[in-house]
Amino acid sequence: MVPMRKKLLVLYIIWFISGSLLALGSMYLTPYFLIPLFGTQVAIGILSLSIRCPECKQPVLKQKMKLFNFAFTYWGCLIPKKCHHCEVVLK
């Protein structure tokens, strides 16, 4: 089984490389490269947001922040070292 942090890292690398290549293709070859560009970016975004903690089954990129005694949740983009919900160290 692939570790969760490695899975997110591979998704981010694929997101960057495919986005760069398809953007260059749409600029220099044909604008029809924009169709797979948006499709791959949305698909990889959904895949990265759906990765969950093995213990509490909460999304890993959904994080909590406390500001002025109010609790906020937001979707972060950095790969966390531990789950923000149950504090389990992610591999």
Protein backbone atom coordinates (compact mmCIF):
# COMPACT_ATOMS: atom_id res chain seq x y z
CA MET A 1 0.00 0.00 0.00
CA VAL A 2 1.33 3.42 -0.97
CA PRO A 3 1.86 5.84 1.95
CA MET A 4 -0.54 8.77 2.00
CA ARG A 5 2.10 11.51 1.89
CA LYS A 6 3.80 9.87 -1.09
CA LYS A 7 0.44 9.56 -2.87
CA LEU A 8 -0.21 13.30 -2.43
CA LEU A 9 3.31 14.15 -3.59
CA VAL A 10 2.89 12.06 -6.76
CA LEU A 11 -0.49 13.72 -7.44
CA TYR A 12 1.07 17.17 -7.06
CA ILE A 13 3.94 16.28 -9.41
CA ILE A 14 1.52 14.91 -12.02
CA TRP A 15 -0.65 18.03 -11.59
CA PHE A 16 2.32 20.34 -12.21
CA ILE A 17 3.84 18.44 -15.15
CA SER A 18 0.56 17.79 -16.98
CA GLY A 19 -0.59 21.36 -16.38
CA SER A 20 2.67 22.78 -17.71
CA LEU A 21 2.78 20.56 -20.79
CA LEU A 22 -0.87 21.08 -21.71
CA ALA A 23 -0.62 24.85 -21.14
CA LEU A 24 2.43 25.01 -23.42
CA GLY A 25 0.60 22.89 -25.98
CA SER A 26 -2.39 25.23 -25.91
CA MET A 27 -0.16 28.29 -26.31
CA TYR A 28 2.03 27.04 -29.14
CA LEU A 29 0.11 24.28 -30.94
CA THR A 30 -3.67 24.54 -30.69
CA PRO A 31 -6.14 25.90 -28.15
CA TYR A 32 -7.85 22.50 -28.04
CA PHE A 33 -5.25 21.47 -25.46
CA LEU A 34 -7.26 23.54 -22.95
CA ILE A 35 -9.98 20.87 -22.79
CA PRO A 36 -7.75 18.11 -21.34
CA LEU A 37 -5.95 20.75 -19.28
CA PHE A 38 -9.08 21.62 -17.33
CA GLY A 39 -10.15 17.98 -17.13
CA THR A 40 -6.88 16.73 -15.67
CA GLN A 41 -6.60 19.63 -13.24
CA VAL A 42 -10.12 19.07 -11.90
CA ALA A 43 -9.65 15.28 -11.69
CA ILE A 44 -6.35 15.55 -9.81
CA GLY A 45 -7.84 18.18 -7.51
CA ILE A 46 -10.77 15.94 -6.63
CA LEU A 47 -8.44 12.97 -6.08
CA SER A 48 -6.18 14.94 -3.76
CA LEU A 49 -9.12 16.27 -1.73
CA SER A 50 -10.59 12.79 -1.32
CA ILE A 51 -7.54 11.25 0.41
CA ARG A 52 -8.55 10.44 4.00
CA CYS A 53 -6.85 9.63 7.29
CA PRO A 54 -6.75 5.86 7.94
CA GLU A 55 -7.80 6.32 11.59
CA CYS A 56 -10.59 8.93 11.68
CA LYS A 57 -11.59 8.85 7.98
CA GLN A 58 -11.50 12.67 7.75
CA PRO A 59 -9.99 14.36 4.65
CA VAL A 60 -6.29 14.96 5.21
CA LEU A 61 -6.18 18.36 3.52
CA LYS A 62 -9.14 19.72 5.51
CA GLN A 63 -7.56 21.69 8.32
CA LYS A 64 -8.75 23.61 11.35
CA MET A 65 -7.72 27.09 12.45
CA LYS A 66 -8.68 29.03 15.53
CA LEU A 67 -8.77 32.82 15.24
CA PHE A 68 -10.21 35.19 17.86
CA ASN A 69 -11.91 32.31 19.69
CA PHE A 70 -13.68 31.15 16.50
CA ALA A 71 -12.93 27.84 14.83
CA PHE A 72 -12.62 27.80 11.04
CA THR A 73 -12.06 24.91 8.67
CA TYR A 74 -10.32 25.32 5.33
CA TRP A 75 -8.84 23.17 2.59
CA GLY A 76 -5.05 23.44 2.68
CA CYS A 77 -2.66 22.50 -0.08
CA LEU A 78 0.43 21.57 1.95
CA ILE A 79 1.05 17.90 2.68
CA PRO A 80 0.56 17.50 6.46
CA LYS A 81 2.82 15.38 8.66
CA LYS A 82 -0.04 14.51 11.02
CA CYS A 83 -3.80 14.45 10.89
CA HIS A 84 -5.32 17.69 12.16
CA HIS A 85 -8.36 15.85 13.53
CA CYS A 86 -6.95 12.88 15.44
CA GLU A 87 -3.22 13.82 15.61
CA VAL A 88 -2.06 10.52 14.06
CA VAL A 89 1.30 10.73 12.28
CA LEU A 90 0.76 10.19 8.54
CA LYS A 91 3.23 8.07 6.60
